[in-house]
C-alpha atoms as a PDB file:
ATOM      1  CA  UNK A   1      20.777  -7.433  -5.159  1.00  0.00           C
ATOM      2  CA  UNK A   2      18.619  -7.806  -2.040  1.00  0.00           C
ATOM      3  CA  UNK A   3      15.252  -6.842  -3.558  1.00  0.00           C
ATOM      4  CA  UNK A   4      13.170  -9.169  -5.729  1.00  0.00           C
ATOM      5  CA  UNK A   5       9.956  -8.627  -7.699  1.00  0.00           C
ATOM      6  CA  UNK A   6       7.157 -11.095  -8.409  1.00  0.00           C
ATOM      7  CA  UNK A   7       4.241 -10.489 -10.760  1.00  0.00           C
ATOM      8  CA  UNK A   8       1.638 -12.612  -9.027  1.00  0.00           C
ATOM      9  CA  UNK A   9      -1.043 -11.995 -11.622  1.00  0.00           C
ATOM     10  CA  UNK A  10      -1.970  -9.251 -14.074  1.00  0.00           C
ATOM     11  CA  UNK A  11      -4.901  -9.086 -16.491  1.00  0.00           C
ATOM     12  CA  UNK A  12      -6.465 -11.438 -17.422  1.00  0.00           C
ATOM     13  CA  UNK A  13      -5.078 -13.466 -14.503  1.00  0.00           C
ATOM     14  CA  UNK A  14      -6.720 -11.531 -11.675  1.00  0.00           C
ATOM     15  CA  UNK A  15      -5.762 -12.602  -8.153  1.00  0.00           C
ATOM     16  CA  UNK A  16      -8.295 -13.458  -5.453  1.00  0.00           C
ATOM     17  CA  UNK A  17      -7.767 -11.265  -2.381  1.00  0.00           C
ATOM     18  CA  UNK A  18      -7.642 -14.135   0.109  1.00  0.00           C
ATOM     19  CA  UNK A  19      -5.145 -15.962  -2.095  1.00  0.00           C
ATOM     20  CA  UNK A  20      -2.935 -12.874  -2.186  1.00  0.00           C
ATOM     21  CA  UNK A  21      -3.254 -12.442   1.573  1.00  0.00           C
ATOM     22  CA  UNK A  22      -2.036 -16.014   2.126  1.00  0.00           C
ATOM     23  CA  UNK A  23       0.852 -15.352  -0.282  1.00  0.00           C
ATOM     24  CA  UNK A  24       1.779 -12.264   1.743  1.00  0.00           C
ATOM     25  CA  UNK A  25       1.588 -14.120   5.041  1.00  0.00           C
ATOM     26  CA  UNK A  26       3.805 -16.989   3.908  1.00  0.00           C
ATOM     27  CA  UNK A  27       6.326 -14.694   2.229  1.00  0.00           C
ATOM     28  CA  UNK A  28       6.462 -12.468   5.315  1.00  0.00           C
ATOM     29  CA  UNK A  29       7.413 -15.493   7.411  1.00  0.00           C
ATOM     30  CA  UNK A  30      10.105 -16.476   4.912  1.00  0.00           C
ATOM     31  CA  UNK A  31      11.579 -12.956   4.717  1.00  0.00           C
ATOM     32  CA  UNK A  32      11.568 -12.670   8.500  1.00  0.00           C
ATOM     33  CA  UNK A  33      13.358 -16.013   8.820  1.00  0.00           C
ATOM     34  CA  UNK A  34      15.886 -15.146   6.112  1.00  0.00           C
ATOM     35  CA  UNK A  35      14.611 -17.868   3.766  1.00  0.00           C
ATOM     36  CA  UNK A  36      13.544 -15.386   1.074  1.00  0.00           C
ATOM     37  CA  UNK A  37      14.757 -11.965  -0.063  1.00  0.00           C
ATOM     38  CA  UNK A  38      12.728  -8.826   0.443  1.00  0.00           C
ATOM     39  CA  UNK A  39      10.170  -8.986  -2.348  1.00  0.00           C
ATOM     40  CA  UNK A  40       7.623  -6.666  -3.954  1.00  0.00           C
ATOM     41  CA  UNK A  41       4.498  -8.499  -5.108  1.00  0.00           C
ATOM     42  CA  UNK A  42       2.753  -6.815  -8.059  1.00  0.00           C
ATOM     43  CA  UNK A  43      -0.744  -7.814  -9.139  1.00  0.00           C
ATOM     44  CA  UNK A  44      -4.310  -7.001 -10.090  1.00  0.00           C
ATOM     45  CA  UNK A  45      -7.057  -8.252  -7.815  1.00  0.00           C
ATOM     46  CA  UNK A  46     -10.403  -9.659  -8.764  1.00  0.00           C
ATOM     47  CA  UNK A  47     -12.937  -7.021  -7.674  1.00  0.00           C
ATOM     48  CA  UNK A  48     -13.239  -6.745  -3.888  1.00  0.00           C
ATOM     49  CA  UNK A  49     -13.845  -4.229  -1.105  1.00  0.00           C
ATOM     50  CA  UNK A  50     -11.435  -4.319   1.853  1.00  0.00           C
ATOM     51  CA  UNK A  51     -11.736  -2.574   5.211  1.00  0.00           C
ATOM     52  CA  UNK A  52      -8.788  -1.406   7.297  1.00  0.00           C
ATOM     53  CA  UNK A  53      -8.927  -1.263  11.072  1.00  0.00           C
ATOM     54  CA  UNK A  54     -10.473   2.214  11.186  1.00  0.00           C
ATOM     55  CA  UNK A  55     -13.431   1.579   8.867  1.00  0.00           C
ATOM     56  CA  UNK A  56     -16.785   2.705  10.241  1.00  0.00           C
ATOM     57  CA  UNK A  57     -20.128   1.050   9.497  1.00  0.00           C
ATOM     58  CA  UNK A  58     -21.572   3.989   7.566  1.00  0.00           C
ATOM     59  CA  UNK A  59     -18.622   3.892   5.133  1.00  0.00           C
ATOM     60  CA  UNK A  60     -19.396   0.363   3.920  1.00  0.00           C
ATOM     61  CA  UNK A  61     -21.044  -0.372   0.541  1.00  0.00           C
ATOM     62  CA  UNK A  62     -24.495   1.145   0.304  1.00  0.00           C
ATOM     63  CA  UNK A  63     -25.834  -1.946  -1.457  1.00  0.00           C
ATOM     64  CA  UNK A  64     -24.659  -4.443   1.159  1.00  0.00           C
ATOM     65  CA  UNK A  65     -21.815  -5.876  -0.926  1.00  0.00           C
ATOM     66  CA  UNK A  66     -19.557  -8.063   1.286  1.00  0.00           C
ATOM     67  CA  UNK A  67     -16.336  -6.557   2.610  1.00  0.00           C
ATOM     68  CA  UNK A  68     -13.137  -8.342   3.669  1.00  0.00           C
ATOM     69  CA  UNK A  69     -11.631  -7.088   6.936  1.00  0.00           C
ATOM     70  CA  UNK A  70      -7.840  -6.728   6.740  1.00  0.00           C
ATOM     71  CA  UNK A  71      -5.064  -5.987   9.229  1.00  0.00           C
ATOM     72  CA  UNK A  72      -3.696  -2.852   7.584  1.00  0.00           C
ATOM     73  CA  UNK A  73      -4.080   0.794   8.409  1.00  0.00           C
ATOM     74  CA  UNK A  74      -6.546   3.096   6.713  1.00  0.00           C
ATOM     75  CA  UNK A  75     -10.232   2.618   6.012  1.00  0.00           C
ATOM     76  CA  UNK A  76     -12.428   1.138   3.292  1.00  0.00           C
ATOM     77  CA  UNK A  77     -11.267   0.834  -0.292  1.00  0.00           C
ATOM     78  CA  UNK A  78     -11.823  -1.120  -3.502  1.00  0.00           C
ATOM     79  CA  UNK A  79      -9.416  -3.299  -5.451  1.00  0.00           C
ATOM     80  CA  UNK A  80     -10.025  -4.747  -8.871  1.00  0.00           C
ATOM     81  CA  UNK A  81      -9.142  -4.957 -12.562  1.00  0.00           C
ATOM     82  CA  UNK A  82      -7.251  -1.949 -13.892  1.00  0.00           C
ATOM     83  CA  UNK A  83      -5.638  -1.129 -10.546  1.00  0.00           C
ATOM     84  CA  UNK A  84      -1.989  -1.976  -9.870  1.00  0.00           C
ATOM     85  CA  UNK A  85      -1.561  -3.320  -6.341  1.00  0.00           C
ATOM     86  CA  UNK A  86       1.848  -3.620  -4.746  1.00  0.00           C
ATOM     87  CA  UNK A  87       2.631  -5.582  -1.600  1.00  0.00           C
ATOM     88  CA  UNK A  88       6.238  -4.881  -0.558  1.00  0.00           C
ATOM     89  CA  UNK A  89       7.340  -7.581   1.885  1.00  0.00           C
ATOM     90  CA  UNK A  90      10.535  -5.907   2.989  1.00  0.00           C
ATOM     91  CA  UNK A  91      12.973  -6.412   5.828  1.00  0.00           C
ATOM     92  CA  UNK A  92      13.443  -2.725   6.492  1.00  0.00           C
ATOM     93  CA  UNK A  93      16.996  -1.440   6.559  1.00  0.00           C
ATOM     94  CA  UNK A  94      16.043   0.560   9.653  1.00  0.00           C
ATOM     95  CA  UNK A  95      12.996  -0.975  11.370  1.00  0.00           C
ATOM     96  CA  UNK A  96      12.632   2.199  13.414  1.00  0.00           C
ATOM     97  CA  UNK A  97      12.168   4.349  10.284  1.00  0.00           C
ATOM     98  CA  UNK A  98       8.552   3.492   9.501  1.00  0.00           C
ATOM     99  CA  UNK A  99       7.724   7.108   8.674  1.00  0.00           C
ATOM    100  CA  UNK A 100      10.607   7.169   6.217  1.00  0.00           C
ATOM    101  CA  UNK A 101       9.313   3.946   4.646  1.00  0.00           C
ATOM    102  CA  UNK A 102       5.901   5.504   4.020  1.00  0.00           C
ATOM    103  CA  UNK A 103       7.511   8.639   2.596  1.00  0.00           C
ATOM    104  CA  UNK A 104       9.556   6.501   0.196  1.00  0.00           C
ATOM    105  CA  UNK A 105       6.414   4.649  -0.926  1.00  0.00           C
ATOM    106  CA  UNK A 106       4.823   8.017  -1.630  1.00  0.00           C
ATOM    107  CA  UNK A 107       7.875   9.180  -3.556  1.00  0.00           C
ATOM    108  CA  UNK A 108       7.950   5.975  -5.622  1.00  0.00           C
ATOM    109  CA  UNK A 109       4.337   6.517  -6.657  1.00  0.00           C
ATOM    110  CA  UNK A 110       4.823  10.231  -7.376  1.00  0.00           C
ATOM    111  CA  UNK A 111       7.872   9.520  -9.539  1.00  0.00           C
ATOM    112  CA  UNK A 112       6.094   6.674 -11.353  1.00  0.00           C
ATOM    113  CA  UNK A 113       3.125   8.915 -12.141  1.00  0.00           C
ATOM    114  CA  UNK A 114       5.428  11.637 -13.432  1.00  0.00           C
ATOM    115  CA  UNK A 115       6.802   9.208 -16.012  1.00  0.00           C
ATOM    116  CA  UNK A 116       3.341   8.874 -17.582  1.00  0.00           C
ATOM    117  CA  UNK A 117       2.543  12.582 -17.469  1.00  0.00           C
ATOM    118  CA  UNK A 118       0.610  12.785 -14.197  1.00  0.00           C
ATOM    119  CA  UNK A 119       1.568  15.192 -11.401  1.00  0.00           C
ATOM    120  CA  UNK A 120       0.843  13.415  -8.148  1.00  0.00           C
ATOM    121  CA  UNK A 121       1.233  15.079  -4.780  1.00  0.00           C
ATOM    122  CA  UNK A 122       0.834  14.589  -1.055  1.00  0.00           C
ATOM    123  CA  UNK A 123      -2.072  16.265   0.720  1.00  0.00           C
ATOM    124  CA  UNK A 124      -1.482  17.283   4.318  1.00  0.00           C
ATOM    125  CA  UNK A 125      -3.628  15.251   6.683  1.00  0.00           C
ATOM    126  CA  UNK A 126      -4.587  12.604   4.114  1.00  0.00           C
ATOM    127  CA  UNK A 127      -3.062   9.316   3.083  1.00  0.00           C
ATOM    128  CA  UNK A 128      -2.147   8.327  -0.436  1.00  0.00           C
ATOM    129  CA  UNK A 129      -1.259  10.266  -3.569  1.00  0.00           C
ATOM    130  CA  UNK A 130      -3.500  12.970  -4.972  1.00  0.00           C
ATOM    131  CA  UNK A 131      -4.125  15.161  -7.988  1.00  0.00           C
ATOM    132  CA  UNK A 132      -4.562  18.774  -6.948  1.00  0.00           C
ATOM    133  CA  UNK A 133      -7.753  20.605  -7.874  1.00  0.00           C
ATOM    134  CA  UNK A 134      -7.590  22.113 -11.347  1.00  0.00           C
ATOM    135  CA  UNK A 135      -9.792  22.906 -14.330  1.00  0.00           C
ATOM    136  CA  UNK A 136     -10.515  19.196 -14.744  1.00  0.00           C
ATOM    137  CA  UNK A 137     -12.006  18.838 -11.277  1.00  0.00           C
ATOM    138  CA  UNK A 138     -11.565  19.050  -7.507  1.00  0.00           C
ATOM    139  CA  UNK A 139      -8.797  17.359  -5.543  1.00  0.00           C
ATOM    140  CA  UNK A 140      -8.917  13.642  -6.269  1.00  0.00           C
ATOM    141  CA  UNK A 141      -7.110  10.525  -5.094  1.00  0.00           C
ATOM    142  CA  UNK A 142      -5.158   8.377  -7.527  1.00  0.00           C
ATOM    143  CA  UNK A 143      -3.289   6.005  -5.199  1.00  0.00           C
ATOM    144  CA  UNK A 144      -3.930   4.564  -1.741  1.00  0.00           C
ATOM    145  CA  UNK A 145      -1.372   3.460   0.860  1.00  0.00           C
ATOM    146  CA  UNK A 146      -1.979   1.245   3.886  1.00  0.00           C
ATOM    147  CA  UNK A 147       0.716  -0.747   5.646  1.00  0.00           C
ATOM    148  CA  UNK A 148       1.513  -3.121   8.459  1.00  0.00           C
ATOM    149  CA  UNK A 149       4.985  -3.684   9.948  1.00  0.00           C
ATOM    150  CA  UNK A 150       5.574  -6.810  12.017  1.00  0.00           C
ATOM    151  CA  UNK A 151       8.999  -7.651  13.470  1.00  0.00           C
ATOM    152  CA  UNK A 152      10.607  -5.117  11.150  1.00  0.00           C
ATOM    153  CA  UNK A 153       9.114  -6.680   7.977  1.00  0.00           C
ATOM    154  CA  UNK A 154       6.437  -4.834   6.012  1.00  0.00           C
ATOM    155  CA  UNK A 155       3.107  -6.068   4.647  1.00  0.00           C
ATOM    156  CA  UNK A 156       0.260  -4.632   2.551  1.00  0.00           C
ATOM    157  CA  UNK A 157       1.283  -1.547   0.577  1.00  0.00           C
ATOM    158  CA  UNK A 158      -0.285   0.529  -2.207  1.00  0.00           C
ATOM    159  CA  UNK A 159      -2.980   0.553  -4.884  1.00  0.00           C
ATOM    160  CA  UNK A 160      -2.477   2.712  -7.976  1.00  0.00           C
ATOM    161  CA  UNK A 161      -5.490   3.448 -10.180  1.00  0.00           C
ATOM    162  CA  UNK A 162      -4.443   2.905 -13.803  1.00  0.00           C
ATOM    163  CA  UNK A 163      -7.386   2.266 -16.132  1.00  0.00           C
ATOM    164  CA  UNK A 164      -9.951   0.843 -13.718  1.00  0.00           C
ATOM    165  CA  UNK A 165     -13.662   1.630 -13.709  1.00  0.00           C
ATOM    166  CA  UNK A 166     -14.475   4.193 -10.995  1.00  0.00           C
ATOM    167  CA  UNK A 167     -18.072   3.026 -10.539  1.00  0.00           C
ATOM    168  CA  UNK A 168     -17.285   0.842  -7.470  1.00  0.00           C
ATOM    169  CA  UNK A 169     -16.175   3.948  -5.585  1.00  0.00           C
ATOM    170  CA  UNK A 170     -19.677   5.397  -5.897  1.00  0.00           C
ATOM    171  CA  UNK A 171     -20.953   2.617  -3.612  1.00  0.00           C
ATOM    172  CA  UNK A 172     -18.698   3.460  -0.664  1.00  0.00           C
ATOM    173  CA  UNK A 173     -17.133   6.337   1.222  1.00  0.00           C
ATOM    174  CA  UNK A 174     -13.626   5.553   0.021  1.00  0.00           C
ATOM    175  CA  UNK A 175     -10.984   5.944   2.736  1.00  0.00           C
ATOM    176  CA  UNK A 176     -13.598   7.734   4.842  1.00  0.00           C
ATOM    177  CA  UNK A 177     -13.290  10.881   2.722  1.00  0.00           C
ATOM    178  CA  UNK A 178     -16.478  12.701   1.726  1.00  0.00           C
ATOM    179  CA  UNK A 179     -15.112  15.922   0.203  1.00  0.00           C
ATOM    180  CA  UNK A 180     -12.799  14.607  -2.525  1.00  0.00           C
ATOM    181  CA  UNK A 181     -13.061  12.259  -5.476  1.00  0.00           C
ATOM    182  CA  UNK A 182     -11.124   9.399  -7.006  1.00  0.00           C
ATOM    183  CA  UNK A 183      -9.372   9.271 -10.359  1.00  0.00           C
ATOM    184  CA  UNK A 184      -7.201   7.098 -12.596  1.00  0.00           C
ATOM    185  CA  UNK A 185      -4.225   7.593 -14.882  1.00  0.00           C
ATOM    186  CA  UNK A 186      -6.536   7.058 -17.855  1.00  0.00           C
ATOM    187  CA  UNK A 187      -8.981   9.714 -16.629  1.00  0.00           C
ATOM    188  CA  UNK A 188      -6.152  12.213 -16.155  1.00  0.00           C
ATOM    189  CA  UNK A 189      -4.282  11.590 -19.404  1.00  0.00           C
ATOM    190  CA  UNK A 190      -6.717   9.969 -21.813  1.00  0.00           C
ATOM    191  CA  UNK A 191      -4.188   7.160 -22.282  1.00  0.00           C
ATOM    192  CA  UNK A 192      -5.297   3.571 -21.732  1.00  0.00           C
ATOM    193  CA  UNK A 193      -2.367   2.579 -19.533  1.00  0.00           C
ATOM    194  CA  UNK A 194      -2.829  -0.718 -17.727  1.00  0.00           C
ATOM    195  CA  UNK A 195      -1.236  -2.157 -14.574  1.00  0.00           C
ATOM    196  CA  UNK A 196       1.021  -4.181 -16.873  1.00  0.00           C
ATOM    197  CA  UNK A 197       2.284  -0.884 -18.326  1.00  0.00           C
ATOM    198  CA  UNK A 198       2.921   0.625 -14.893  1.00  0.00           C
ATOM    199  CA  UNK A 199       4.433  -2.426 -13.190  1.00  0.00           C
ATOM    200  CA  UNK A 200       7.957  -2.079 -14.705  1.00  0.00           C
ATOM    201  CA  UNK A 201       7.942   1.665 -14.028  1.00  0.00           C
ATOM    202  CA  UNK A 202       7.065   1.153 -10.371  1.00  0.00           C
ATOM    203  CA  UNK A 203       9.600  -1.682 -10.063  1.00  0.00           C
ATOM    204  CA  UNK A 204      12.342   0.563 -11.433  1.00  0.00           C
ATOM    205  CA  UNK A 205      11.506   3.239  -8.878  1.00  0.00           C
ATOM    206  CA  UNK A 206      11.619   0.684  -6.051  1.00  0.00           C
ATOM    207  CA  UNK A 207      15.045  -0.350  -7.332  1.00  0.00           C
ATOM    208  CA  UNK A 208      16.152   3.289  -7.163  1.00  0.00           C
ATOM    209  CA  UNK A 209      15.353   3.359  -3.434  1.00  0.00           C
ATOM    210  CA  UNK A 210      16.512  -0.173  -2.644  1.00  0.00           C
ATOM    211  CA  UNK A 211      19.541   0.801  -0.590  1.00  0.00           C
ATOM    212  CA  UNK A 212      17.481   3.088   1.638  1.00  0.00           C
ATOM    213  CA  UNK A 213      14.692   0.548   2.068  1.00  0.00           C
ATOM    214  CA  UNK A 214      16.032  -2.941   2.417  1.00  0.00           C
ATOM    215  CA  UNK A 215      18.232  -4.560   5.043  1.00  0.00           C
ATOM    216  CA  UNK A 216      21.255  -6.563   3.994  1.00  0.00           C
ATOM    217  CA  UNK A 217      20.671 -10.336   3.978  1.00  0.00           C
ATOM    218  CA  UNK A 218      20.882 -11.811   7.493  1.00  0.00           C
ATOM    219  CA  UNK A 219      24.108 -13.340   8.710  1.00  0.00           C
ATOM    220  CA  UNK A 220      23.858 -17.149   8.508  1.00  0.00           C
ATOM    221  CA  UNK A 221      23.114 -18.576  11.945  1.00  0.00           C
ATOM    222  CA  UNK A 222      21.794 -15.297  13.381  1.00  0.00           C
ATOM    223  CA  UNK A 223      18.610 -15.628  15.393  1.00  0.00           C
ATOM    224  CA  UNK A 224      15.425 -13.732  14.583  1.00  0.00           C
ATOM    225  CA  UNK A 225      15.946 -11.693  17.725  1.00  0.00           C
ATOM    226  CA  UNK A 226      19.374 -10.645  16.501  1.00  0.00           C
ATOM    227  CA  UNK A 227      18.250  -9.766  12.967  1.00  0.00           C
ATOM    228  CA  UNK A 228      14.845  -8.142  13.601  1.00  0.00           C
ATOM    229  CA  UNK A 229      13.811  -5.267  15.848  1.00  0.00           C
ATOM    230  CA  UNK A 230      10.685  -4.847  17.935  1.00  0.00           C
ATOM    231  CA  UNK A 231       8.598  -2.116  16.301  1.00  0.00           C
ATOM    232  CA  UNK A 232       6.069  -1.484  19.065  1.00  0.00           C
ATOM    233  CA  UNK A 233       7.172   2.098  19.753  1.00  0.00           C
ATOM    234  CA  UNK A 234       7.924   3.230  16.202  1.00  0.00           C
ATOM    235  CA  UNK A 235       4.725   5.183  15.651  1.00  0.00           C
ATOM    236  CA  UNK A 236       3.171   6.025  19.026  1.00  0.00           C
ATOM    237  CA  UNK A 237       0.172   7.670  17.384  1.00  0.00           C
ATOM    238  CA  UNK A 238      -0.626   4.693  15.152  1.00  0.00           C
ATOM    239  CA  UNK A 239      -3.149   2.162  16.486  1.00  0.00           C
ATOM    240  CA  UNK A 240      -1.792  -1.080  17.877  1.00  0.00           C
ATOM    241  CA  UNK A 241      -2.888  -4.382  16.450  1.00  0.00           C
ATOM    242  CA  UNK A 242      -6.096  -5.693  18.013  1.00  0.00           C
ATOM    243  CA  UNK A 243      -4.465  -9.106  17.774  1.00  0.00           C
ATOM    244  CA  UNK A 244      -2.279  -7.983  20.635  1.00  0.00           C
ATOM    245  CA  UNK A 245       0.948  -8.129  18.654  1.00  0.00           C
ATOM    246  CA  UNK A 246       3.229  -5.904  20.691  1.00  0.00           C
ATOM    247  CA  UNK A 247       5.654  -5.596  17.807  1.00  0.00           C
ATOM    248  CA  UNK A 248       3.124  -4.537  15.159  1.00  0.00           C
ATOM    249  CA  UNK A 249       2.595  -1.147  13.594  1.00  0.00           C
ATOM    250  CA  UNK A 250      -0.619  -0.841  11.602  1.00  0.00           C
ATOM    251  CA  UNK A 251      -1.191   2.501   9.961  1.00  0.00           C
ATOM    252  CA  UNK A 252      -2.168   4.491   6.952  1.00  0.00           C
ATOM    253  CA  UNK A 253       0.347   6.921   5.556  1.00  0.00           C
ATOM    254  CA  UNK A 254      -1.276   9.968   7.096  1.00  0.00           C
ATOM    255  CA  UNK A 255      -1.118   8.398  10.541  1.00  0.00           C
ATOM    256  CA  UNK A 256       2.633   8.030  10.291  1.00  0.00           C
ATOM    257  CA  UNK A 257       3.238  11.405   8.689  1.00  0.00           C
ATOM    258  CA  UNK A 258       1.239  13.559  11.090  1.00  0.00           C
ATOM    259  CA  UNK A 259       1.726  14.129  14.787  1.00  0.00           C
ATOM    260  CA  UNK A 260      -1.969  13.652  15.564  1.00  0.00           C
ATOM    261  CA  UNK A 261      -2.000  10.250  13.888  1.00  0.00           C
ATOM    262  CA  UNK A 262      -5.597   9.103  13.576  1.00  0.00           C
ATOM    263  CA  UNK A 263      -6.603  11.060  10.524  1.00  0.00           C
ATOM    264  CA  UNK A 264      -7.272  10.147   6.908  1.00  0.00           C
END
């Protein structure tokens, strides 16, 4: 198989965000060079707020809590105990199919939620996975997606709310959205399902889509230029990296799914 999975740390072994970022960076380099297989990192973070490239000042924590700036798409969000985070570091089978990659991530999350009795859906014009308005409440977000693609290899990924406390979301304007709430699997089902419970379900769904997602291992002796594609023009409506990386795509799911791009 060409897809591997690594549980970096689940409760009670929460993973520091900067530590996970360094893990991503090093693994990305190894996948790009053909030294490591495409790998999905699964973990729970120690509590932290992170800000994507489109975060605005008024969306930051109202109490002044520090925020880590990250090079993914999307806006401000929270990570912490009770939330399953996945960082797929994948050499895409088709580096030009970034929109398809985001759609597959969405489908993986929707199918995983269905297995625990939650009906997740896409909402036009907004990133992530949602629960439609019903008797239990208005439309609410249950999973976030924010990605980066560099030289045809993905970084960052998704955050799925399992049994986490929702209080941290009251201190921010999550994902820049003011007219919808946030929820968890536990809030929707009454079942205390943890990231450890969801990790094998999500991994199985990734395995289902492996052939569509992941490139075959590189041919020994092939150069990076021969085995990776420049991704600069994959999503013309997605913002370019401020680092000047001409072969980067940094976007939230809605940016890649919609023609107008810069929406959340």
